[in-house]
Amino acid sequence: MKRGLFVLAGIFVGAAALSAAQGRFVGKVVVEWLDDPFVPKLQLREDFGFEDQAGKLWLARQGQVLDGASIPLVFRDMIGMPFVGDYRRASIVYDYYCQVMSEPWRDVHRMFYYASLTEGAGEVNAKVMYAALYAAGLRWEMPGSRCFRSCHVAAPSLTWKPQVEDKDVRPVVEWIRQANPGLEEIEARVDAALKKPRPHVFAQGH
């Protein structure tokens, strides 16, 4: 793959927020595509972020290498590949925080929802994407949690993904498209559908 710098999204400056209820993107996405025969990767060449509706800035720092691995296969099968479509900027910030794991995973998933809304995905589509990420996306323990303090003291990180199949998520997606429920309702419906939401033995490391 040819190396080079590409601007993937326009710049948003000043106080021109798209919606106070959603948030705004800050900066522009400038990346360098990296040569890799197996997994397409890109490196952020400038800081890029999303400011959510509460005013919190989710900043993806320059230099980070992203590969979209945080986007689960269930999501890709239903929605498409990361870094494309109406959620490419949202997926960049999401992938960054799934790598650094500096914020709780639930907050990161919700950030993606609001970022995809801001990007123009549409409310129902954004909720479908949120359900897919909540069902099959990466989850992790924050440093200092009970798991770290007890049986995983020496682990550098504690991450896992729920065991879920496409057939488990499809009924939830159909329900979302028909009822347009709230996020808490979506979480409860997905939790009920998951076979193994949180295994006792974590996959240590990313």
N, C-alpha and C. Protein backbone atom coordinates (compact mmCIF):
# COMPACT_ATOMS: atom_id res chain seq x y z
N MET A 1 0.84 -1.19 0.00
CA MET A 1 0.00 0.00 0.00
C MET A 1 0.88 1.24 0.00
N LYS A 2 0.57 2.18 -0.82
CA LYS A 2 1.38 3.37 -0.94
C LYS A 2 1.26 4.22 0.31
N ARG A 3 2.40 4.67 0.85
CA ARG A 3 2.41 5.50 2.03
C ARG A 3 2.11 6.93 1.64
N GLY A 4 1.51 7.65 2.56
CA GLY A 4 1.25 9.06 2.29
C GLY A 4 0.31 9.64 3.31
N LEU A 5 0.16 10.95 3.27
CA LEU A 5 -0.70 11.65 4.20
C LEU A 5 -2.01 11.95 3.53
N PHE A 6 -3.12 11.74 4.26
CA PHE A 6 -4.44 12.00 3.72
C PHE A 6 -5.28 12.71 4.77
N VAL A 7 -6.08 13.65 4.35
CA VAL A 7 -7.05 14.29 5.22
C VAL A 7 -8.37 13.59 5.01
N LEU A 8 -8.91 12.94 6.06
CA LEU A 8 -10.12 12.16 5.94
C LEU A 8 -11.37 12.95 6.30
N ALA A 9 -11.21 14.07 6.98
CA ALA A 9 -12.39 14.82 7.40
C ALA A 9 -12.06 16.28 7.50
N GLY A 10 -13.07 17.12 7.37
CA GLY A 10 -12.89 18.56 7.44
C GLY A 10 -12.66 19.03 8.85
N ILE A 11 -12.25 20.28 8.98
CA ILE A 11 -11.94 20.85 10.29
C ILE A 11 -13.17 21.56 10.85
N PHE A 12 -13.36 21.44 12.16
CA PHE A 12 -14.44 22.13 12.84
C PHE A 12 -13.81 23.04 13.89
N VAL A 13 -14.02 24.36 13.83
CA VAL A 13 -13.35 25.30 14.69
C VAL A 13 -14.36 26.20 15.37
N GLY A 14 -13.84 26.98 16.39
CA GLY A 14 -14.66 27.98 17.04
C GLY A 14 -15.79 27.37 17.83
N ALA A 15 -16.87 28.13 17.96
CA ALA A 15 -18.02 27.70 18.76
C ALA A 15 -19.11 27.09 17.92
N ALA A 16 -18.80 26.73 16.71
CA ALA A 16 -19.82 26.20 15.80
C ALA A 16 -20.05 24.74 16.06
N ALA A 17 -20.70 24.40 17.14
CA ALA A 17 -21.06 23.02 17.46
C ALA A 17 -22.27 22.60 16.64
N LEU A 18 -22.29 21.33 16.25
CA LEU A 18 -23.41 20.84 15.47
C LEU A 18 -24.68 20.82 16.29
N SER A 19 -24.59 20.39 17.54
CA SER A 19 -25.76 20.36 18.40
C SER A 19 -25.31 20.23 19.83
N ALA A 20 -25.88 21.05 20.72
CA ALA A 20 -25.49 20.99 22.12
C ALA A 20 -25.85 19.64 22.74
N ALA A 21 -26.82 18.96 22.17
CA ALA A 21 -27.25 17.67 22.70
C ALA A 21 -26.36 16.54 22.21
N GLN A 22 -25.49 16.80 21.25
CA GLN A 22 -24.65 15.75 20.69
C GLN A 22 -23.18 16.02 20.96
N GLY A 23 -22.67 17.11 20.48
CA GLY A 23 -21.26 17.44 20.64
C GLY A 23 -20.69 17.96 19.35
N ARG A 24 -19.35 17.98 19.27
CA ARG A 24 -18.69 18.46 18.06
C ARG A 24 -17.32 17.81 17.95
N PHE A 25 -16.84 17.71 16.73
CA PHE A 25 -15.49 17.23 16.49
C PHE A 25 -14.54 18.41 16.54
N VAL A 26 -13.34 18.15 17.04
CA VAL A 26 -12.34 19.19 17.21
C VAL A 26 -11.08 18.81 16.43
N GLY A 27 -10.68 19.67 15.52
CA GLY A 27 -9.50 19.40 14.71
C GLY A 27 -9.87 18.73 13.41
N LYS A 28 -8.90 18.15 12.77
CA LYS A 28 -9.13 17.43 11.52
C LYS A 28 -8.38 16.11 11.57
N VAL A 29 -8.89 15.16 10.85
CA VAL A 29 -8.26 13.83 10.81
C VAL A 29 -7.20 13.84 9.72
N VAL A 30 -5.95 13.77 10.15
CA VAL A 30 -4.83 13.65 9.21
C VAL A 30 -4.08 12.38 9.58
N VAL A 31 -3.98 11.45 8.66
CA VAL A 31 -3.37 10.16 8.94
C VAL A 31 -2.36 9.79 7.88
N GLU A 32 -1.49 8.89 8.25
CA GLU A 32 -0.57 8.26 7.31
C GLU A 32 -0.92 6.77 7.26
N TRP A 33 -1.25 6.29 6.10
CA TRP A 33 -1.51 4.86 5.94
C TRP A 33 -0.18 4.12 5.99
N LEU A 34 -0.12 3.08 6.79
CA LEU A 34 1.12 2.33 6.98
C LEU A 34 1.08 1.04 6.17
N ASP A 35 2.23 0.67 5.64
CA ASP A 35 2.33 -0.57 4.87
C ASP A 35 2.21 -1.77 5.79
N ASP A 36 1.25 -2.61 5.52
CA ASP A 36 1.08 -3.85 6.28
C ASP A 36 0.40 -4.84 5.35
N PRO A 37 1.02 -6.00 5.11
CA PRO A 37 0.44 -6.96 4.14
C PRO A 37 -0.83 -7.64 4.64
N PHE A 38 -1.12 -7.54 5.94
CA PHE A 38 -2.24 -8.29 6.50
C PHE A 38 -3.36 -7.38 7.04
N VAL A 39 -3.00 -6.37 7.81
CA VAL A 39 -4.00 -5.51 8.45
C VAL A 39 -3.75 -4.06 8.07
N PRO A 40 -4.71 -3.40 7.40
CA PRO A 40 -4.53 -1.98 7.10
C PRO A 40 -4.43 -1.18 8.39
N LYS A 41 -3.40 -0.36 8.49
CA LYS A 41 -3.19 0.45 9.67
C LYS A 41 -2.97 1.90 9.27
N LEU A 42 -3.32 2.79 10.18
CA LEU A 42 -3.06 4.20 9.95
C LEU A 42 -2.52 4.82 11.22
N GLN A 43 -1.71 5.84 11.04
CA GLN A 43 -1.13 6.55 12.17
C GLN A 43 -1.63 7.98 12.18
N LEU A 44 -2.12 8.43 13.33
CA LEU A 44 -2.59 9.81 13.44
C LEU A 44 -1.40 10.76 13.36
N ARG A 45 -1.49 11.73 12.48
CA ARG A 45 -0.42 12.71 12.32
C ARG A 45 -0.74 14.02 13.02
N GLU A 46 -1.96 14.17 13.47
CA GLU A 46 -2.37 15.33 14.27
C GLU A 46 -3.35 14.86 15.34
N ASP A 47 -3.40 15.62 16.43
CA ASP A 47 -4.42 15.34 17.43
C ASP A 47 -5.80 15.54 16.82
N PHE A 48 -6.75 14.72 17.23
CA PHE A 48 -8.13 14.84 16.76
C PHE A 48 -9.05 14.40 17.88
N GLY A 49 -10.16 15.11 18.05
CA GLY A 49 -11.00 14.76 19.18
C GLY A 49 -12.47 14.98 18.96
N PHE A 50 -13.22 14.55 19.96
CA PHE A 50 -14.67 14.75 19.99
C PHE A 50 -15.03 15.35 21.33
N GLU A 51 -15.72 16.48 21.32
CA GLU A 51 -16.22 17.10 22.54
C GLU A 51 -17.68 16.71 22.70
N ASP A 52 -17.99 15.99 23.78
CA ASP A 52 -19.35 15.47 23.93
C ASP A 52 -20.30 16.54 24.45
N GLN A 53 -21.56 16.15 24.63
CA GLN A 53 -22.60 17.10 25.00
C GLN A 53 -22.38 17.70 26.39
N ALA A 54 -21.57 17.04 27.22
CA ALA A 54 -21.27 17.56 28.55
C ALA A 54 -20.02 18.44 28.56
N GLY A 55 -19.40 18.61 27.40
CA GLY A 55 -18.20 19.44 27.31
C GLY A 55 -16.90 18.69 27.52
N LYS A 56 -16.96 17.35 27.67
CA LYS A 56 -15.74 16.57 27.84
C LYS A 56 -15.07 16.34 26.49
N LEU A 57 -13.78 16.57 26.44
CA LEU A 57 -13.02 16.38 25.21
C LEU A 57 -12.36 15.01 25.20
N TRP A 58 -12.74 14.21 24.22
CA TRP A 58 -12.13 12.91 24.00
C TRP A 58 -11.08 13.10 22.92
N LEU A 59 -9.81 13.17 23.32
CA LEU A 59 -8.75 13.54 22.40
C LEU A 59 -7.92 12.33 22.01
N ALA A 60 -7.84 12.06 20.72
CA ALA A 60 -6.96 11.02 20.18
C ALA A 60 -5.64 11.68 19.81
N ARG A 61 -4.58 11.26 20.46
CA ARG A 61 -3.29 11.92 20.30
C ARG A 61 -2.56 11.48 19.04
N GLN A 62 -1.83 12.42 18.47
CA GLN A 62 -1.04 12.11 17.27
C GLN A 62 0.01 11.07 17.61
N GLY A 63 0.35 10.27 16.61
CA GLY A 63 1.34 9.22 16.77
C GLY A 63 0.74 7.85 17.03
N GLN A 64 -0.52 7.80 17.49
CA GLN A 64 -1.14 6.51 17.76
C GLN A 64 -1.43 5.76 16.46
N VAL A 65 -1.12 4.47 16.44
CA VAL A 65 -1.40 3.63 15.28
C VAL A 65 -2.73 2.92 15.52
N LEU A 66 -3.64 3.05 14.58
CA LEU A 66 -4.97 2.47 14.69
C LEU A 66 -5.17 1.42 13.61
N ASP A 67 -5.94 0.38 13.93
CA ASP A 67 -6.18 -0.68 12.94
C ASP A 67 -7.65 -1.10 12.88
N GLY A 68 -8.50 -0.46 13.69
CA GLY A 68 -9.92 -0.81 13.66
C GLY A 68 -10.26 -2.12 14.32
N ALA A 69 -9.29 -2.74 15.01
CA ALA A 69 -9.53 -4.05 15.63
C ALA A 69 -10.57 -3.97 16.74
N SER A 70 -10.81 -2.79 17.27
CA SER A 70 -11.80 -2.65 18.34
C SER A 70 -13.23 -2.78 17.82
N ILE A 71 -13.42 -2.64 16.50
CA ILE A 71 -14.74 -2.80 15.91
C ILE A 71 -15.01 -4.28 15.72
N PRO A 72 -15.95 -4.89 16.44
CA PRO A 72 -16.15 -6.34 16.39
C PRO A 72 -16.71 -6.82 15.06
N LEU A 73 -16.55 -8.12 14.81
CA LEU A 73 -17.01 -8.70 13.55
C LEU A 73 -18.52 -8.57 13.38
N VAL A 74 -19.27 -8.69 14.49
CA VAL A 74 -20.73 -8.54 14.40
C VAL A 74 -21.07 -7.16 13.86
N PHE A 75 -20.37 -6.15 14.34
CA PHE A 75 -20.58 -4.78 13.87
C PHE A 75 -20.25 -4.67 12.39
N ARG A 76 -19.12 -5.23 11.99
CA ARG A 76 -18.68 -5.12 10.59
C ARG A 76 -19.65 -5.83 9.65
N ASP A 77 -20.17 -6.97 10.10
CA ASP A 77 -21.11 -7.71 9.25
C ASP A 77 -22.40 -6.94 9.04
N MET A 78 -22.85 -6.21 10.06
CA MET A 78 -24.12 -5.50 9.97
C MET A 78 -23.97 -4.08 9.43
N ILE A 79 -22.86 -3.41 9.76
CA ILE A 79 -22.71 -1.99 9.46
C ILE A 79 -21.68 -1.74 8.37
N GLY A 80 -20.55 -2.42 8.45
CA GLY A 80 -19.47 -2.18 7.50
C GLY A 80 -18.14 -2.03 8.20
N MET A 81 -17.10 -1.77 7.45
CA MET A 81 -15.75 -1.66 7.98
C MET A 81 -15.54 -0.33 8.69
N PRO A 82 -14.60 -0.29 9.65
CA PRO A 82 -14.30 0.97 10.33
C PRO A 82 -13.60 1.96 9.40
N PHE A 83 -13.60 3.22 9.81
CA PHE A 83 -12.94 4.30 9.10
C PHE A 83 -13.58 4.63 7.76
N VAL A 84 -14.85 4.21 7.58
CA VAL A 84 -15.59 4.55 6.36
C VAL A 84 -17.01 4.95 6.74
N GLY A 85 -17.76 5.45 5.80
CA GLY A 85 -19.16 5.73 6.02
C GLY A 85 -19.41 6.89 6.95
N ASP A 86 -20.59 6.87 7.60
CA ASP A 86 -21.02 7.97 8.45
C ASP A 86 -20.51 7.87 9.87
N TYR A 87 -19.50 7.07 10.11
CA TYR A 87 -18.97 6.96 11.46
C TYR A 87 -17.44 6.86 11.47
N ARG A 88 -16.80 7.31 10.40
CA ARG A 88 -15.34 7.13 10.32
C ARG A 88 -14.61 7.96 11.36
N ARG A 89 -15.06 9.20 11.60
CA ARG A 89 -14.41 10.01 12.63
C ARG A 89 -14.70 9.46 14.03
N ALA A 90 -15.94 9.03 14.25
CA ALA A 90 -16.29 8.44 15.53
C ALA A 90 -15.46 7.19 15.80
N SER A 91 -15.24 6.37 14.77
CA SER A 91 -14.50 5.12 14.94
C SER A 91 -13.03 5.38 15.23
N ILE A 92 -12.48 6.49 14.75
CA ILE A 92 -11.08 6.82 15.05
C ILE A 92 -10.92 7.12 16.52
N VAL A 93 -11.80 7.95 17.08
CA VAL A 93 -11.70 8.28 18.50
C VAL A 93 -12.01 7.04 19.35
N TYR A 94 -12.99 6.26 18.92
CA TYR A 94 -13.34 5.03 19.65
C TYR A 94 -12.18 4.05 19.66
N ASP A 95 -11.56 3.82 18.51
CA ASP A 95 -10.45 2.87 18.42
C ASP A 95 -9.29 3.33 19.30
N TYR A 96 -9.05 4.63 19.33
CA TYR A 96 -7.98 5.18 20.17
C TYR A 96 -8.23 4.84 21.64
N TYR A 97 -9.43 5.10 22.13
CA TYR A 97 -9.70 4.88 23.55
C TYR A 97 -9.81 3.41 23.90
N CYS A 98 -10.12 2.57 22.92
CA CYS A 98 -10.09 1.13 23.17
C CYS A 98 -8.65 0.63 23.29
N GLN A 99 -7.71 1.37 22.75
CA GLN A 99 -6.31 1.00 22.89
C GLN A 99 -5.70 1.52 24.19
N VAL A 100 -5.96 2.79 24.50
CA VAL A 100 -5.33 3.36 25.70
C VAL A 100 -6.08 2.99 26.97
N MET A 101 -7.40 2.69 26.86
CA MET A 101 -8.21 2.24 27.99
C MET A 101 -8.08 3.15 29.20
N SER A 102 -8.08 4.45 28.96
CA SER A 102 -7.94 5.43 30.03
C SER A 102 -9.29 5.86 30.60
N GLU A 103 -10.39 5.42 29.99
CA GLU A 103 -11.73 5.73 30.44
C GLU A 103 -12.53 4.43 30.53
N PRO A 104 -13.57 4.39 31.37
CA PRO A 104 -14.39 3.17 31.47
C PRO A 104 -14.99 2.79 30.12
N TRP A 105 -15.07 1.48 29.87
CA TRP A 105 -15.52 1.02 28.55
C TRP A 105 -16.95 1.47 28.26
N ARG A 106 -17.81 1.52 29.28
CA ARG A 106 -19.18 1.96 29.04
C ARG A 106 -19.22 3.41 28.54
N ASP A 107 -18.37 4.25 29.13
CA ASP A 107 -18.31 5.65 28.71
C ASP A 107 -17.79 5.77 27.28
N VAL A 108 -16.83 4.92 26.93
CA VAL A 108 -16.26 4.96 25.57
C VAL A 108 -17.31 4.54 24.55
N HIS A 109 -18.10 3.52 24.87
CA HIS A 109 -19.15 3.08 23.95
C HIS A 109 -20.19 4.18 23.76
N ARG A 110 -20.56 4.86 24.84
CA ARG A 110 -21.54 5.94 24.72
C ARG A 110 -20.96 7.13 23.96
N MET A 111 -19.68 7.38 24.16
CA MET A 111 -19.04 8.43 23.38
C MET A 111 -19.17 8.15 21.90
N PHE A 112 -18.97 6.89 21.49
CA PHE A 112 -19.12 6.54 20.08
C PHE A 112 -20.53 6.84 19.59
N TYR A 113 -21.53 6.53 20.40
CA TYR A 113 -22.92 6.80 20.01
C TYR A 113 -23.13 8.28 19.72
N TYR A 114 -22.71 9.14 20.63
CA TYR A 114 -22.92 10.57 20.43
C TYR A 114 -22.05 11.11 19.30
N ALA A 115 -20.85 10.56 19.16
CA ALA A 115 -19.99 11.00 18.06
C ALA A 115 -20.57 10.61 16.71
N SER A 116 -21.14 9.41 16.62
CA SER A 116 -21.75 8.98 15.36
C SER A 116 -22.99 9.81 15.04
N LEU A 117 -23.75 10.21 16.08
CA LEU A 117 -24.87 11.12 15.87
C LEU A 117 -24.39 12.44 15.30
N THR A 118 -23.35 12.98 15.91
CA THR A 118 -22.80 14.25 15.45
C THR A 118 -22.29 14.15 14.02
N GLU A 119 -21.77 12.99 13.67
CA GLU A 119 -21.23 12.80 12.33
C GLU A 119 -22.33 12.67 11.28
N GLY A 120 -23.57 12.42 11.74
CA GLY A 120 -24.68 12.37 10.80
C GLY A 120 -25.21 10.98 10.53
N ALA A 121 -24.95 10.03 11.43
CA ALA A 121 -25.39 8.65 11.19
C ALA A 121 -26.90 8.49 11.30
N GLY A 122 -27.58 9.38 11.99
CA GLY A 122 -29.01 9.21 12.21
C GLY A 122 -29.26 8.48 13.52
N GLU A 123 -30.32 8.85 14.24
CA GLU A 123 -30.53 8.32 15.59
C GLU A 123 -30.68 6.81 15.62
N VAL A 124 -31.52 6.25 14.77
CA VAL A 124 -31.74 4.81 14.80
C VAL A 124 -30.48 4.05 14.39
N ASN A 125 -29.83 4.49 13.33
CA ASN A 125 -28.60 3.83 12.91
C ASN A 125 -27.53 3.93 13.99
N ALA A 126 -27.44 5.07 14.65
CA ALA A 126 -26.47 5.23 15.73
C ALA A 126 -26.76 4.27 16.87
N LYS A 127 -28.04 4.03 17.16
CA LYS A 127 -28.41 3.10 18.21
C LYS A 127 -28.13 1.65 17.81
N VAL A 128 -28.32 1.34 16.54
CA VAL A 128 -27.96 0.00 16.05
C VAL A 128 -26.47 -0.24 16.21
N MET A 129 -25.66 0.75 15.83
CA MET A 129 -24.21 0.62 15.98
C MET A 129 -23.83 0.51 17.45
N TYR A 130 -24.49 1.29 18.29
CA TYR A 130 -24.21 1.23 19.73
C TYR A 130 -24.52 -0.16 20.28
N ALA A 131 -25.65 -0.73 19.86
CA ALA A 131 -26.02 -2.08 20.33
C ALA A 131 -24.98 -3.11 19.91
N ALA A 132 -24.48 -3.00 18.68
CA ALA A 132 -23.48 -3.95 18.20
C ALA A 132 -22.18 -3.84 18.99
N LEU A 133 -21.75 -2.60 19.27
CA LEU A 133 -20.53 -2.41 20.05
C LEU A 133 -20.73 -2.86 21.49
N TYR A 134 -21.88 -2.54 22.06
CA TYR A 134 -22.15 -2.95 23.44
C TYR A 134 -22.20 -4.47 23.55
N ALA A 135 -22.72 -5.13 22.52
CA ALA A 135 -22.86 -6.59 22.55
C ALA A 135 -21.54 -7.30 22.35
N ALA A 136 -20.69 -6.81 21.48
CA ALA A 136 -19.51 -7.58 21.09
C ALA A 136 -18.20 -6.81 21.17
N GLY A 137 -18.26 -5.55 21.57
CA GLY A 137 -17.05 -4.74 21.61
C GLY A 137 -16.16 -5.05 22.80
N LEU A 138 -14.97 -4.50 22.76
CA LEU A 138 -13.98 -4.71 23.81
C LEU A 138 -14.44 -4.08 25.13
N ARG A 139 -14.18 -4.79 26.22
CA ARG A 139 -14.45 -4.28 27.56
C ARG A 139 -13.18 -4.43 28.40
N TRP A 140 -13.05 -3.61 29.42
CA TRP A 140 -11.84 -3.67 30.23
C TRP A 140 -12.10 -3.17 31.64
N GLU A 141 -11.22 -3.60 32.54
CA GLU A 141 -11.24 -3.11 33.92
C GLU A 141 -10.33 -1.90 34.02
N MET A 142 -10.75 -0.92 34.81
CA MET A 142 -9.93 0.26 35.04
C MET A 142 -8.90 -0.04 36.13
N PRO A 143 -7.69 0.53 36.04
CA PRO A 143 -6.69 0.35 37.11
C PRO A 143 -7.27 0.76 38.46
N GLY A 144 -6.96 -0.03 39.48
CA GLY A 144 -7.46 0.26 40.81
C GLY A 144 -8.77 -0.42 41.15
N SER A 145 -9.35 -1.12 40.17
CA SER A 145 -10.61 -1.81 40.43
C SER A 145 -10.37 -3.02 41.34
N ARG A 146 -11.46 -3.62 41.82
CA ARG A 146 -11.36 -4.78 42.70
C ARG A 146 -10.64 -5.94 42.03
N CYS A 147 -10.86 -6.12 40.73
CA CYS A 147 -10.18 -7.22 40.02
C CYS A 147 -8.67 -7.05 40.04
N PHE A 148 -8.22 -5.80 39.86
CA PHE A 148 -6.78 -5.56 39.89
C PHE A 148 -6.23 -5.73 41.31
N ARG A 149 -7.00 -5.32 42.31
CA ARG A 149 -6.51 -5.35 43.68
C ARG A 149 -6.47 -6.76 44.25
N SER A 150 -7.25 -7.67 43.68
CA SER A 150 -7.33 -9.02 44.26
C SER A 150 -6.53 -10.03 43.46
N CYS A 151 -7.17 -10.64 42.45
CA CYS A 151 -6.54 -11.79 41.78
C CYS A 151 -5.72 -11.43 40.55
N HIS A 152 -5.72 -10.17 40.13
CA HIS A 152 -4.98 -9.81 38.92
C HIS A 152 -4.01 -8.65 39.18
N VAL A 153 -3.34 -8.72 40.32
CA VAL A 153 -2.47 -7.62 40.74
C VAL A 153 -1.36 -7.35 39.73
N ALA A 154 -0.78 -8.42 39.16
CA ALA A 154 0.38 -8.27 38.27
C ALA A 154 0.01 -8.08 36.80
N ALA A 155 -1.28 -8.12 36.48
CA ALA A 155 -1.69 -8.03 35.08
C ALA A 155 -1.56 -6.60 34.57
N PRO A 156 -0.94 -6.40 33.40
CA PRO A 156 -0.84 -5.04 32.84
C PRO A 156 -2.18 -4.49 32.39
N SER A 157 -3.10 -5.37 32.01
CA SER A 157 -4.44 -4.95 31.62
C SER A 157 -5.39 -6.14 31.72
N LEU A 158 -6.67 -5.83 31.88
CA LEU A 158 -7.70 -6.87 31.93
C LEU A 158 -8.75 -6.53 30.90
N THR A 159 -8.78 -7.28 29.83
CA THR A 159 -9.72 -7.01 28.75
C THR A 159 -10.47 -8.28 28.38
N TRP A 160 -11.66 -8.10 27.83
CA TRP A 160 -12.44 -9.25 27.37
C TRP A 160 -13.50 -8.77 26.38
N LYS A 161 -14.06 -9.72 25.67
CA LYS A 161 -15.18 -9.47 24.78
C LYS A 161 -16.27 -10.49 25.07
N PRO A 162 -17.53 -10.07 25.14
CA PRO A 162 -18.61 -11.04 25.37
C PRO A 162 -18.68 -12.06 24.24
N GLN A 163 -19.16 -13.24 24.57
CA GLN A 163 -19.40 -14.25 23.54
C GLN A 163 -20.77 -14.00 22.94
N VAL A 164 -20.81 -13.66 21.68
CA VAL A 164 -22.08 -13.31 21.04
C VAL A 164 -22.01 -13.69 19.57
N GLU A 165 -23.13 -14.09 19.02
CA GLU A 165 -23.22 -14.43 17.61
C GLU A 165 -24.20 -13.48 16.92
N ASP A 166 -24.09 -13.43 15.62
CA ASP A 166 -24.94 -12.54 14.83
C ASP A 166 -26.42 -12.80 15.11
N LYS A 167 -26.80 -14.07 15.24
CA LYS A 167 -28.20 -14.40 15.47
C LYS A 167 -28.70 -13.90 16.82
N ASP A 168 -27.79 -13.67 17.76
CA ASP A 168 -28.19 -13.14 19.06
C ASP A 168 -28.49 -11.65 18.99
N VAL A 169 -27.84 -10.95 18.06
CA VAL A 169 -27.96 -9.50 17.96
C VAL A 169 -29.06 -9.07 17.00
N ARG A 170 -29.32 -9.87 15.98
CA ARG A 170 -30.29 -9.50 14.95
C ARG A 170 -31.67 -9.14 15.50
N PRO A 171 -32.23 -9.93 16.43
CA PRO A 171 -33.54 -9.54 16.98
C PRO A 171 -33.51 -8.20 17.70
N VAL A 172 -32.39 -7.91 18.35
CA VAL A 172 -32.25 -6.62 19.04
C VAL A 172 -32.23 -5.49 18.02
N VAL A 173 -31.53 -5.71 16.92
CA VAL A 173 -31.46 -4.69 15.87
C VAL A 173 -32.85 -4.42 15.28
N GLU A 174 -33.59 -5.48 15.02
CA GLU A 174 -34.94 -5.30 14.47
C GLU A 174 -35.83 -4.53 15.44
N TRP A 175 -35.70 -4.85 16.73
CA TRP A 175 -36.48 -4.15 17.76
C TRP A 175 -36.11 -2.67 17.82
N ILE A 176 -34.82 -2.36 17.70
CA ILE A 176 -34.38 -0.96 17.73
C ILE A 176 -34.96 -0.20 16.55
N ARG A 177 -34.94 -0.82 15.37
CA ARG A 177 -35.45 -0.13 14.18
C ARG A 177 -36.97 0.10 14.28
N GLN A 178 -37.66 -0.75 14.98
CA GLN A 178 -39.11 -0.59 15.11
C GLN A 178 -39.51 0.33 16.26
N ALA A 179 -38.82 0.22 17.40
CA ALA A 179 -39.25 0.92 18.61
C ALA A 179 -38.43 2.15 18.95
N ASN A 180 -37.21 2.27 18.39
CA ASN A 180 -36.32 3.39 18.70
C ASN A 180 -36.22 3.60 20.22
N PRO A 181 -35.76 2.60 20.96
CA PRO A 181 -35.71 2.69 22.43
C PRO A 181 -34.56 3.56 22.90
N GLY A 182 -34.50 3.81 24.21
CA GLY A 182 -33.40 4.54 24.81
C GLY A 182 -32.18 3.65 25.00
N LEU A 183 -31.05 4.26 25.33
CA LEU A 183 -29.81 3.50 25.47
C LEU A 183 -29.88 2.50 26.63
N GLU A 184 -30.51 2.91 27.75
CA GLU A 184 -30.62 1.99 28.88
C GLU A 184 -31.45 0.76 28.50
N GLU A 185 -32.50 0.96 27.74
CA GLU A 185 -33.32 -0.16 27.29
C GLU A 185 -32.52 -1.08 26.37
N ILE A 186 -31.72 -0.48 25.51
CA ILE A 186 -30.88 -1.27 24.59
C ILE A 186 -29.89 -2.11 25.39
N GLU A 187 -29.26 -1.50 26.38
CA GLU A 187 -28.29 -2.23 27.20
C GLU A 187 -28.95 -3.41 27.91
N ALA A 188 -30.14 -3.19 28.46
CA ALA A 188 -30.84 -4.28 29.15
C ALA A 188 -31.20 -5.40 28.19
N ARG A 189 -31.64 -5.05 27.00
CA ARG A 189 -32.01 -6.06 26.00
C ARG A 189 -30.79 -6.85 25.54
N VAL A 190 -29.68 -6.17 25.33
CA VAL A 190 -28.45 -6.85 24.92
C VAL A 190 -27.94 -7.74 26.04
N ASP A 191 -27.95 -7.23 27.29
CA ASP A 191 -27.49 -8.03 28.43
C ASP A 191 -28.26 -9.34 28.52
N ALA A 192 -29.55 -9.28 28.24
CA ALA A 192 -30.37 -10.49 28.32
C ALA A 192 -30.04 -11.47 27.19
N ALA A 193 -29.51 -10.96 26.08
CA ALA A 193 -29.22 -11.81 24.93
C ALA A 193 -27.83 -12.42 24.98
N LEU A 194 -26.92 -11.83 25.75
CA LEU A 194 -25.55 -12.32 25.78
C LEU A 194 -25.45 -13.65 26.52
N LYS A 195 -24.66 -14.55 25.94
CA LYS A 195 -24.43 -15.85 26.56
C LYS A 195 -23.38 -15.75 27.66
N LYS A 196 -22.28 -15.07 27.36
CA LYS A 196 -21.20 -14.91 28.33
C LYS A 196 -20.74 -13.46 28.31
N PRO A 197 -21.43 -12.60 29.06
CA PRO A 197 -21.07 -11.18 29.03
C PRO A 197 -19.74 -10.86 29.69
N ARG A 198 -19.34 -11.69 30.66
CA ARG A 198 -18.10 -11.37 31.38
C ARG A 198 -17.49 -12.64 31.96
N PRO A 199 -16.57 -13.25 31.24
CA PRO A 199 -15.95 -14.48 31.75
C PRO A 199 -15.13 -14.22 33.00
N HIS A 200 -15.04 -15.22 33.85
CA HIS A 200 -14.27 -15.06 35.10
C HIS A 200 -12.78 -14.92 34.79
N VAL A 201 -12.30 -15.70 33.82
CA VAL A 201 -10.88 -15.66 33.47
C VAL A 201 -10.73 -14.67 32.32
N PHE A 202 -10.04 -13.59 32.56
CA PHE A 202 -9.85 -12.57 31.54
C PHE A 202 -8.74 -12.95 30.58
N ALA A 203 -8.85 -12.45 29.35
CA ALA A 203 -7.73 -12.49 28.42
C ALA A 203 -6.83 -11.32 28.78
N GLN A 204 -5.69 -11.60 29.35
CA GLN A 204 -4.83 -10.53 29.84
C GLN A 204 -4.02 -9.94 28.69
N GLY A 205 -4.08 -8.64 28.60
CA GLY A 205 -3.41 -7.98 27.50
C GLY A 205 -4.42 -7.61 26.44
N HIS A 206 -3.96 -6.86 25.41
CA HIS A 206 -4.87 -6.34 24.38
C HIS A 206 -4.74 -7.18 23.13
